[in-house]
Protein backbone atom coordinates (compact mmCIF):
# COMPACT_ATOMS: atom_id res chain seq x y z
CA MET A 1 27.32 -13.03 74.58
CA SER A 2 30.49 -14.99 73.87
CA SER A 3 31.38 -17.17 70.92
CA SER A 4 31.95 -20.91 71.29
CA THR A 5 35.64 -20.17 71.78
CA GLY A 6 34.91 -17.95 74.76
CA ASP A 7 36.08 -14.76 73.00
CA PRO A 8 33.87 -11.63 73.17
CA ALA A 9 31.57 -11.15 70.17
CA PRO A 10 32.43 -8.21 67.89
CA GLY A 11 30.87 -4.91 68.83
CA ALA A 12 28.09 -3.00 67.11
CA PRO A 13 28.60 -1.28 63.73
CA VAL A 14 30.17 2.18 63.79
CA ALA A 15 27.10 4.37 64.29
CA GLU A 16 28.47 7.35 62.33
CA LEU A 17 29.06 5.15 59.27
CA PHE A 18 26.03 2.90 59.56
CA PRO A 19 23.31 4.76 61.49
CA ALA A 20 20.10 3.06 62.55
CA SER A 21 17.35 3.01 59.92
CA THR A 22 15.22 5.64 61.68
CA GLN A 23 18.09 8.08 61.96
CA ARG A 24 19.14 7.33 58.38
CA GLN A 25 15.69 8.23 57.10
CA GLU A 26 15.68 11.47 59.08
CA LEU A 27 19.07 12.41 57.63
CA ASP A 28 17.96 11.48 54.13
CA ASP A 29 14.84 13.62 54.42
CA HIS A 30 16.92 16.49 55.79
CA LEU A 31 19.34 16.18 52.85
CA THR A 32 16.52 16.13 50.29
CA ARG A 33 15.03 19.34 51.65
CA ALA A 34 18.41 21.03 52.00
CA LEU A 35 19.33 20.21 48.39
CA ALA A 36 16.01 21.53 47.11
CA ARG A 37 16.56 24.83 48.92
CA ALA A 38 20.11 25.05 47.57
CA GLN A 39 18.94 24.48 43.99
CA GLU A 40 16.47 27.34 44.32
CA ARG A 41 19.27 29.60 45.52
CA VAL A 42 21.52 28.47 42.67
CA ARG A 43 18.90 29.33 40.06
CA ALA A 44 18.44 32.79 41.55
CA GLY A 45 22.16 33.44 41.99
CA PRO A 46 25.27 33.68 39.81
CA ALA A 47 26.26 30.91 37.42
CA THR A 48 29.90 31.33 38.37
CA PRO A 49 31.72 30.47 41.64
CA ASP A 50 31.86 33.18 44.31
CA LEU A 51 33.86 31.31 46.94
CA ASP A 52 36.76 32.93 48.81
CA LEU A 53 39.24 30.21 47.94
CA GLU A 54 41.94 31.31 50.37
CA ALA A 55 39.47 31.34 53.24
CA PHE A 56 38.19 27.94 52.15
CA ARG A 57 41.68 26.45 52.13
CA GLY A 58 42.12 27.72 55.66
CA GLU A 59 38.82 26.17 56.63
CA LEU A 60 39.88 22.85 55.16
CA GLY A 61 42.90 22.93 57.42
CA SER A 62 40.60 22.62 60.43
CA PHE A 63 39.58 19.15 59.29
CA ASP A 64 42.26 16.99 60.89
CA PHE A 65 39.95 13.95 60.88
CA ALA A 66 40.73 13.35 64.53
CA THR A 67 37.70 15.27 65.81
CA ARG A 68 34.29 13.93 64.87
CA ARG A 69 31.62 16.33 63.63
CA PRO A 70 27.85 15.79 63.39
CA LEU A 71 26.75 14.58 59.96
CA PRO A 72 23.85 17.09 59.62
CA GLU A 73 26.35 19.91 60.12
CA LEU A 74 28.68 18.35 57.53
CA LEU A 75 25.86 17.93 55.02
CA GLU A 76 24.96 21.62 55.24
CA TRP A 77 28.63 22.56 55.02
CA SER A 78 29.15 20.40 51.90
CA ILE A 79 26.10 21.84 50.17
CA GLY A 80 27.35 25.35 50.88
CA VAL A 81 30.78 24.53 49.47
CA LEU A 82 29.31 23.32 46.18
CA GLU A 83 26.75 26.11 46.08
CA HIS A 84 29.49 28.73 46.14
CA GLY A 85 32.54 26.83 44.92
CA VAL A 86 31.72 25.44 41.47
CA THR A 87 30.48 26.66 38.12
CA HIS A 88 26.82 25.69 38.12
CA GLN A 89 26.20 23.46 35.15
CA ASN A 90 22.71 23.01 36.56
CA HIS A 91 22.11 26.76 36.26
CA PRO A 92 19.62 27.64 33.46
CA ARG A 93 22.06 30.30 32.20
CA TYR A 94 25.01 27.95 31.92
CA PHE A 95 25.74 28.12 28.19
CA GLY A 96 29.07 26.37 28.41
CA LEU A 97 30.41 22.93 27.73
CA PHE A 98 28.32 19.87 26.97
CA ASN A 99 27.45 19.02 30.58
CA PRO A 100 23.78 19.78 31.13
CA GLY A 101 21.50 20.18 34.06
CA PRO A 102 20.61 16.53 34.71
CA SER A 103 17.10 15.22 34.30
CA PHE A 104 15.14 14.27 37.39
CA PRO A 105 14.80 10.56 36.42
CA ALA A 106 18.60 10.35 36.14
CA GLN A 107 18.99 11.92 39.57
CA CYS A 108 16.53 9.37 40.97
CA ALA A 109 18.59 6.60 39.39
CA ASP A 110 21.70 7.80 41.20
CA ARG A 111 19.92 7.65 44.55
CA ILE A 112 18.78 4.09 43.87
CA ILE A 113 22.22 3.02 42.68
CA ASN A 114 23.89 4.62 45.69
CA SER A 115 21.69 2.58 48.00
CA PHE A 116 22.28 -0.82 46.39
CA ASN A 117 25.82 -0.08 45.13
CA PRO A 118 26.08 -3.03 42.72
CA GLN A 119 29.39 -4.03 41.17
CA LEU A 120 29.02 -4.58 37.44
CA ALA A 121 32.10 -6.65 36.66
CA SER A 122 30.22 -9.95 36.64
CA SER A 123 26.89 -11.01 35.19
CA THR A 124 26.55 -13.56 37.99
CA THR A 125 26.76 -11.07 40.85
CA SER A 126 24.66 -8.37 39.10
CA PRO A 127 22.49 -10.20 36.56
CA ALA A 128 19.64 -7.67 36.47
CA ALA A 129 21.95 -4.66 36.15
CA VAL A 130 24.02 -6.25 33.38
CA ALA A 131 20.88 -7.28 31.47
CA LEU A 132 19.36 -3.81 31.84
CA GLU A 133 22.48 -2.09 30.51
CA THR A 134 22.66 -4.54 27.60
CA HIS A 135 19.06 -3.77 26.70
CA VAL A 136 19.62 0.00 26.79
CA ILE A 137 22.81 -0.19 24.72
CA ARG A 138 21.09 -2.30 22.07
CA SER A 139 18.19 0.14 21.98
CA VAL A 140 20.54 3.10 21.47
CA ALA A 141 22.52 1.20 18.84
CA GLN A 142 19.30 0.40 16.97
CA ARG A 143 18.23 4.04 17.19
CA ALA A 144 21.59 5.05 15.70
CA GLY A 145 21.03 2.70 12.77
CA PHE A 146 23.46 -0.05 13.75
CA PRO A 147 22.54 -3.65 12.73
CA PRO A 148 20.57 -5.93 15.09
CA GLY A 149 23.68 -7.76 16.31
CA ALA A 150 25.42 -4.60 17.48
CA GLY A 151 26.42 -4.24 21.12
CA GLY A 152 28.66 -2.25 23.41
CA HIS A 153 28.61 -1.02 26.96
CA PHE A 154 28.41 1.98 29.23
CA ALA A 155 31.62 3.85 30.09
CA SER A 156 32.78 6.60 32.40
CA GLY A 157 32.64 9.05 29.50
CA GLY A 158 33.64 9.78 25.94
CA SER A 159 37.36 9.45 26.54
CA GLU A 160 37.02 5.89 27.80
CA ALA A 161 34.62 5.01 24.99
CA ASN A 162 36.98 6.46 22.37
CA TYR A 163 39.91 4.62 23.97
CA THR A 164 37.90 1.42 23.71
CA GLY A 165 37.33 2.09 20.02
CA MET A 166 41.03 2.50 19.39
CA LEU A 167 41.93 -0.71 21.21
CA CYS A 168 39.35 -2.59 19.16
CA ALA A 169 40.70 -1.05 15.96
CA LEU A 170 44.32 -1.90 16.79
CA THR A 171 43.44 -5.45 17.76
CA ARG A 172 41.43 -5.92 14.56
CA ALA A 173 44.25 -4.42 12.45
CA HIS A 174 46.83 -6.87 13.83
CA PRO A 175 45.83 -9.73 16.17
CA ALA A 176 49.33 -9.76 17.68
CA PHE A 177 48.76 -6.25 19.03
CA ALA A 178 47.06 -7.85 22.05
CA SER A 179 50.28 -9.62 23.02
CA ASP A 180 53.05 -7.54 21.46
CA GLY A 181 51.65 -4.02 21.33
CA ALA A 182 52.71 -1.55 18.65
CA ARG A 183 55.81 -3.56 17.74
CA ALA A 184 53.49 -6.11 16.11
CA PHE A 185 53.05 -3.74 13.17
CA PRO A 186 55.60 -3.65 10.31
CA GLY A 187 55.60 0.16 10.45
CA GLN A 188 54.24 2.91 12.65
CA PRO A 189 50.49 2.50 13.11
CA VAL A 190 48.65 5.76 12.41
CA PHE A 191 45.07 6.98 12.54
CA TYR A 192 43.23 10.05 11.30
CA THR A 193 41.09 12.70 12.93
CA SER A 194 40.35 16.28 11.99
CA ARG A 195 42.30 19.12 13.54
CA GLU A 196 39.02 20.12 15.23
CA CYS A 197 38.73 16.74 16.99
CA HIS A 198 38.51 16.30 20.75
CA GLY A 199 41.89 16.55 22.48
CA SER A 200 41.41 13.15 24.09
CA TRP A 201 42.55 11.45 20.89
CA VAL A 202 46.14 12.57 21.35
CA LYS A 203 46.10 11.29 24.93
CA ILE A 204 44.56 8.01 23.77
CA ALA A 205 47.39 7.50 21.26
CA HIS A 206 49.78 7.88 24.18
CA GLN A 207 47.78 5.50 26.38
CA THR A 208 47.66 2.74 23.78
CA GLY A 209 51.43 2.84 23.31
CA ILE A 210 51.47 3.89 19.66
CA GLY A 211 52.66 7.39 20.53
CA ARG A 212 51.19 10.82 20.09
CA THR A 213 52.72 11.21 16.63
CA ALA A 214 50.40 8.43 15.47
CA ALA A 215 47.48 10.87 15.67
CA HIS A 216 47.35 12.54 12.25
CA GLN A 217 45.13 15.58 12.43
CA VAL A 218 43.71 16.24 9.00
CA ALA A 219 42.98 19.70 7.66
CA THR A 220 39.43 20.97 7.64
CA ASP A 221 37.40 22.40 4.81
CA GLY A 222 37.53 25.92 6.27
CA ARG A 223 34.16 25.39 7.97
CA GLY A 224 35.30 23.12 10.78
CA ARG A 225 34.71 19.78 9.04
CA MET A 226 37.36 17.24 8.10
CA SER A 227 38.29 17.52 4.43
CA PRO A 228 37.84 14.18 2.60
CA ALA A 229 40.42 15.23 0.00
CA ALA A 230 42.98 16.03 2.69
CA LEU A 231 42.17 12.74 4.43
CA GLU A 232 42.69 10.72 1.26
CA GLN A 233 45.98 12.50 0.62
CA ALA A 234 47.19 11.83 4.18
CA ILE A 235 46.43 8.11 3.84
CA ALA A 236 48.26 7.90 0.52
CA GLU A 237 51.32 9.68 1.92
CA ASP A 238 51.47 7.42 4.97
CA LEU A 239 51.21 4.27 2.86
CA ALA A 240 54.03 5.51 0.64
CA ARG A 241 56.22 6.04 3.71
CA GLY A 242 55.66 2.56 5.08
CA ARG A 243 53.30 3.56 7.87
CA VAL A 244 50.30 1.43 8.74
CA PRO A 245 46.95 3.27 8.74
CA PHE A 246 44.41 1.44 10.90
CA MET A 247 41.54 3.81 11.76
CA ILE A 248 39.59 6.87 10.68
CA VAL A 249 37.85 8.91 13.37
CA ALA A 250 35.09 11.27 12.29
CA THR A 251 33.50 13.69 14.73
CA ALA A 252 29.76 14.27 14.99
CA GLY A 253 29.62 17.46 16.99
CA THR A 254 33.03 19.06 17.51
CA SER A 255 33.64 20.48 20.98
CA ASN A 256 34.39 24.02 19.85
CA ALA A 257 31.77 24.51 17.20
CA GLY A 258 29.36 21.57 17.00
CA MET A 259 30.41 20.69 13.47
CA VAL A 260 29.77 17.28 11.92
CA ASP A 261 32.44 15.75 9.70
CA PRO A 262 31.31 14.27 6.34
CA LEU A 263 30.39 10.93 7.87
CA SER A 264 29.45 9.07 4.69
CA ALA A 265 32.55 10.23 2.80
CA CYS A 266 34.74 9.10 5.72
CA ALA A 267 32.96 5.74 5.71
CA GLU A 268 33.72 5.33 2.01
CA LEU A 269 37.42 6.00 2.56
CA ALA A 270 37.57 3.62 5.50
CA ALA A 271 35.94 0.86 3.46
CA ARG A 272 38.23 1.48 0.49
CA HIS A 273 41.38 1.18 2.60
CA GLY A 274 40.13 -1.50 5.00
CA LEU A 275 40.33 0.78 8.04
CA TRP A 276 38.29 0.72 11.23
CA TYR A 277 35.76 3.55 11.17
CA HIS A 278 34.88 5.19 14.48
CA VAL A 279 32.51 8.13 14.92
CA ASP A 280 33.07 10.27 17.99
CA ALA A 281 29.47 11.35 18.45
CA ALA A 282 29.79 12.05 22.16
CA TRP A 283 27.70 15.22 21.81
CA GLY A 284 25.97 15.10 18.45
CA GLY A 285 25.00 11.43 18.44
CA SER A 286 22.08 12.08 20.77
CA ILE A 287 20.31 13.86 17.92
CA VAL A 288 19.20 10.43 16.65
CA ALA A 289 16.41 10.78 19.24
CA SER A 290 14.77 13.31 16.89
CA GLU A 291 13.20 11.96 13.72
CA ARG A 292 13.17 15.50 12.36
CA LEU A 293 16.86 16.20 12.97
CA ARG A 294 18.61 12.83 12.88
CA ALA A 295 19.69 13.34 9.24
CA VAL A 296 22.34 15.69 10.64
CA VAL A 297 24.37 12.58 11.52
CA ALA A 298 23.55 10.51 8.43
CA GLY A 299 26.42 8.07 7.94
CA LEU A 300 26.77 7.32 11.66
CA GLU A 301 25.11 3.96 10.97
CA ARG A 302 28.05 2.95 8.75
CA ALA A 303 30.59 3.12 11.57
CA ASP A 304 32.34 0.11 13.06
CA SER A 305 31.99 1.81 16.43
CA ALA A 306 30.72 5.04 17.93
CA THR A 307 30.77 7.04 21.13
CA ILE A 308 27.64 8.71 22.51
CA ASP A 309 27.58 10.37 25.93
CA ALA A 310 24.25 10.15 27.71
CA HIS A 311 25.47 12.78 30.18
CA LYS A 312 25.56 15.33 27.42
CA TRP A 313 22.47 15.91 25.29
CA LEU A 314 20.48 13.05 26.83
CA ALA A 315 20.81 14.89 30.16
CA THR A 316 21.78 12.12 32.55
CA THR A 317 24.06 12.76 35.49
CA MET A 318 27.84 12.59 35.02
CA GLY A 319 29.52 10.38 33.75
CA CYS A 320 27.47 8.13 31.53
CA GLY A 321 29.26 7.44 28.27
CA MET A 322 28.36 4.72 25.80
CA PHE A 323 30.49 2.69 23.41
CA ILE A 324 28.57 1.10 20.54
CA VAL A 325 30.18 -1.48 18.27
CA ARG A 326 28.92 -3.19 15.12
CA ASP A 327 30.59 -6.51 15.96
CA PRO A 328 30.69 -7.16 19.73
CA THR A 329 33.31 -9.91 19.32
CA ALA A 330 35.81 -7.07 18.81
CA LEU A 331 35.39 -6.26 22.51
CA THR A 332 36.11 -9.83 23.57
CA ALA A 333 39.21 -9.92 21.38
CA ALA A 334 40.51 -6.74 22.96
CA PHE A 335 39.68 -7.36 26.62
CA GLN A 336 39.36 -11.06 27.38
CA VAL A 337 41.26 -12.21 30.46
CA ALA A 338 41.34 -15.22 32.77
CA ALA A 339 40.58 -14.75 36.47
CA SER A 340 39.78 -17.84 38.53
CA TYR A 341 38.37 -15.84 41.42
CA MET A 342 35.62 -14.27 39.32
CA PRO A 343 32.22 -15.97 39.75
CA SER A 344 31.56 -16.10 36.00
CA ARG A 345 33.63 -16.17 32.83
CA GLU A 346 31.21 -15.59 29.97
CA GLN A 347 33.20 -13.90 27.21
CA SER A 348 30.16 -12.45 25.48
CA LEU A 349 28.41 -11.33 28.64
CA ASP A 350 30.66 -10.46 31.58
CA PRO A 351 31.60 -6.77 31.56
CA TYR A 352 35.08 -7.34 33.00
CA MET A 353 35.90 -9.39 29.90
CA ASN A 354 34.58 -6.80 27.46
CA THR A 355 35.51 -3.37 28.87
CA VAL A 356 38.49 -1.29 29.96
CA GLN A 357 37.17 -1.16 33.50
CA TRP A 358 36.89 -4.04 35.94
CA SER A 359 35.05 -2.81 39.00
CA ARG A 360 32.36 -0.52 37.63
CA ARG A 361 29.39 1.50 38.76
CA PHE A 362 25.88 0.70 37.49
CA LEU A 363 25.53 3.52 34.96
CA GLY A 364 22.73 2.40 32.69
CA LEU A 365 19.82 2.92 35.09
CA ARG A 366 20.16 6.69 34.58
CA LEU A 367 19.38 6.49 30.88
CA PHE A 368 16.90 3.64 31.34
CA LEU A 369 14.70 5.67 33.70
CA SER A 370 14.96 8.72 31.45
CA LEU A 371 14.00 6.82 28.30
CA ALA A 372 11.35 4.74 30.02
CA SER A 373 9.64 7.80 31.53
CA ALA A 374 9.96 10.28 28.64
CA GLY A 375 10.50 7.97 25.67
CA TRP A 376 12.43 8.84 22.55
CA ALA A 377 9.73 11.44 21.84
CA GLY A 378 10.46 13.27 25.08
CA HIS A 379 14.17 13.32 24.38
CA ALA A 380 13.48 14.49 20.83
CA ALA A 381 11.45 17.40 22.21
CA HIS A 382 14.28 18.23 24.63
CA ILE A 383 16.83 18.31 21.80
CA GLU A 384 14.62 20.19 19.35
CA ARG A 385 13.89 22.80 22.03
CA ALA A 386 17.61 23.42 22.49
CA VAL A 387 18.10 23.81 18.73
CA ALA A 388 15.21 26.30 18.57
CA GLN A 389 16.59 28.30 21.49
CA THR A 390 20.00 28.42 19.81
CA ALA A 391 18.36 29.79 16.68
CA TRP A 392 16.67 32.48 18.81
CA ILE A 393 20.02 33.51 20.33
CA ARG A 394 21.59 33.60 16.89
CA ALA A 395 18.90 35.89 15.49
CA ALA A 396 19.02 38.16 18.54
CA LEU A 397 22.79 38.61 18.29
CA GLU A 398 22.87 39.02 14.51
CA ASN A 399 20.22 41.73 14.84
CA ARG A 400 22.65 43.54 17.14
CA GLY A 401 25.58 43.36 14.73
CA TRP A 402 27.26 40.17 15.96
CA SER A 403 28.81 37.68 13.55
CA VAL A 404 28.10 33.95 13.75
CA VAL A 405 31.07 32.11 12.23
CA ASN A 406 29.97 28.46 12.47
CA ASP A 407 27.02 26.91 10.68
CA SER A 408 26.32 24.02 13.03
CA LEU A 409 22.91 22.37 12.97
CA LEU A 410 23.43 21.44 16.62
CA ALA A 411 22.88 23.72 19.61
CA VAL A 412 26.29 25.43 19.48
CA LEU A 413 27.10 28.98 18.37
CA ASN A 414 30.51 30.54 17.72
CA VAL A 415 30.06 34.31 17.71
CA VAL A 416 32.21 37.40 17.39
CA PRO A 417 31.03 40.70 18.91
CA PRO A 418 30.93 44.07 17.17
CA ALA A 419 34.28 45.83 17.53
CA ALA A 420 32.78 48.46 19.85
CA LEU A 421 32.11 45.80 22.51
CA GLY A 422 35.69 44.53 22.57
CA ASN A 423 37.27 41.25 21.50
CA PRO A 424 35.87 37.80 22.39
CA ARG A 425 38.27 37.35 25.29
CA SER A 426 37.30 40.61 26.98
CA VAL A 427 33.57 40.01 26.45
CA VAL A 428 33.78 36.52 27.98
CA ALA A 429 35.68 37.91 30.96
CA ARG A 430 33.04 40.59 31.48
CA VAL A 431 30.15 38.12 31.29
CA LEU A 432 31.77 35.68 33.70
CA LYS A 433 32.61 38.44 36.15
CA SER A 434 28.98 39.53 36.16
CA GLY A 435 27.84 36.00 37.04
CA ARG A 436 24.69 36.52 34.98
CA ALA A 437 25.58 33.70 32.58
CA TRP A 438 28.39 31.32 31.69
CA VAL A 439 29.92 31.26 28.21
CA SER A 440 33.42 30.32 27.10
CA LEU A 441 36.25 31.45 24.88
CA ALA A 442 37.13 29.04 22.07
CA ARG A 443 39.07 28.83 18.81
CA PHE A 444 37.38 28.07 15.51
CA GLU A 445 39.26 28.00 12.22
CA GLU A 446 42.17 29.94 13.73
CA GLN A 447 40.16 32.76 15.28
CA ASP A 448 38.97 33.53 18.80
CA VAL A 449 35.23 33.16 19.25
CA ILE A 450 32.67 33.19 22.04
CA ARG A 451 31.18 29.74 22.38
CA ILE A 452 27.52 29.50 23.40
CA CYS A 453 25.88 26.10 23.88
CA VAL A 454 22.33 25.52 25.09
CA THR A 455 22.68 22.68 27.58
CA HIS A 456 19.91 23.02 30.17
CA GLY A 457 16.45 21.58 29.59
CA GLU A 458 14.84 24.24 31.79
CA THR A 459 16.41 27.33 30.24
CA SER A 460 13.60 29.83 29.73
CA ALA A 461 12.90 32.70 27.35
CA GLU A 462 13.83 35.05 30.19
CA ASP A 463 17.18 33.28 30.58
CA LEU A 464 17.88 33.74 26.88
CA THR A 465 17.10 37.44 27.14
CA ILE A 466 19.41 37.82 30.14
CA LEU A 467 22.19 36.08 28.19
CA VAL A 468 21.82 38.48 25.26
CA GLN A 469 21.80 41.45 27.63
CA ALA A 470 24.93 40.17 29.37
CA LEU A 471 26.72 39.78 26.04
CA HIS A 472 25.42 43.04 24.57
CA PRO A 473 24.97 45.45 27.52
CA ASP A 474 23.10 48.11 25.55
CA SER A 475 20.45 45.58 24.63
CA LYS A 476 17.02 46.20 26.11
CA SER A 477 15.41 42.90 25.11
């Protein structure tokens, strides 16, 4: 058929990119089954990668993207690459960083999102998605103790959420920061974190243009928590030198040791000096799900803003950070822009006018499905189970002569082996080489430690026993 101009009509869609619905369903079913088989193999295999990287690089060289290959073959190939070429955070004996095995509702959300692929810049083009995310954020903010008017948004992760907090703090400290940057301040703007804070804060200082020296890392109390006395002294010294303090950052769940800074004391100092108070609760903030344990982060509700990562202890897929703010107008002040081509320009509603990102993935459905299906009670049980398992590991290791050097109430242990087993570095290397479990080397209060974090919701008693045996080879149980 020809168009009215006599030119040939465009051809059919590219079949490899947009297969017919019947073929697409067959491929989708094939992928579902293949992934399920792979997950079973992962659980029965090593937690660490066992890929021959040199051979893999050679194999990659064969992909010149000139020759087409069948998609079913490529799907199997890709699954095999990930099965053997990554550390398995979805392995029940992954006791590593804060990235857990994701919940099934969150995985379902990703499949739905992938199919519809909404763009969340505008409330006009994605009204349901924007409204759903707003509802979830308000629910989390309420759970954390923030006032009814609090708001925020989803983010790619904790670093973006923390960056958002700093931009809000700088803009609130001096309105001209939005137009003039750091030169708006009469002296160097500075902020305060503990020396055990997440390393992203130094990068964020660089990104915002105030410079890495603006990040003043305050001494701890010898137990991994920021010292209020040292913080007060640092503020006084900076004021005397003509610097401009603008924010205090407390951590609720340090990366190395799971320690919680004195949140209420930090809030008092922030209020006294008129500083923005941000709590980096990327890991520990999720504990508000548990009525029994939420007192661990008492004082979080006094923050001007906070970061909580759903892809950590709330077990969604990566990356699903959240930024919560007491006064949502701070977001508009920091991010408002004019763009005539956008279909809507609602300052209080449109994500592109209230976030760092512009084009953005629909992240909130992951947490929505998880909370809607399991409720806060289900997430509380998930968190309390991890804390109980951590206590079991602690007792098992202490009974074998190990030292636990942190006193976190979260699911993180810093341990030192008996001298006969070697130093922490050599023990970690041995465990990783065995593939039986994944733990990491860390530093806590100037000493090397083995860091163990319970991250997987399906870790069993048998998995805990295997971990202890991997750490302490003479152990029989």
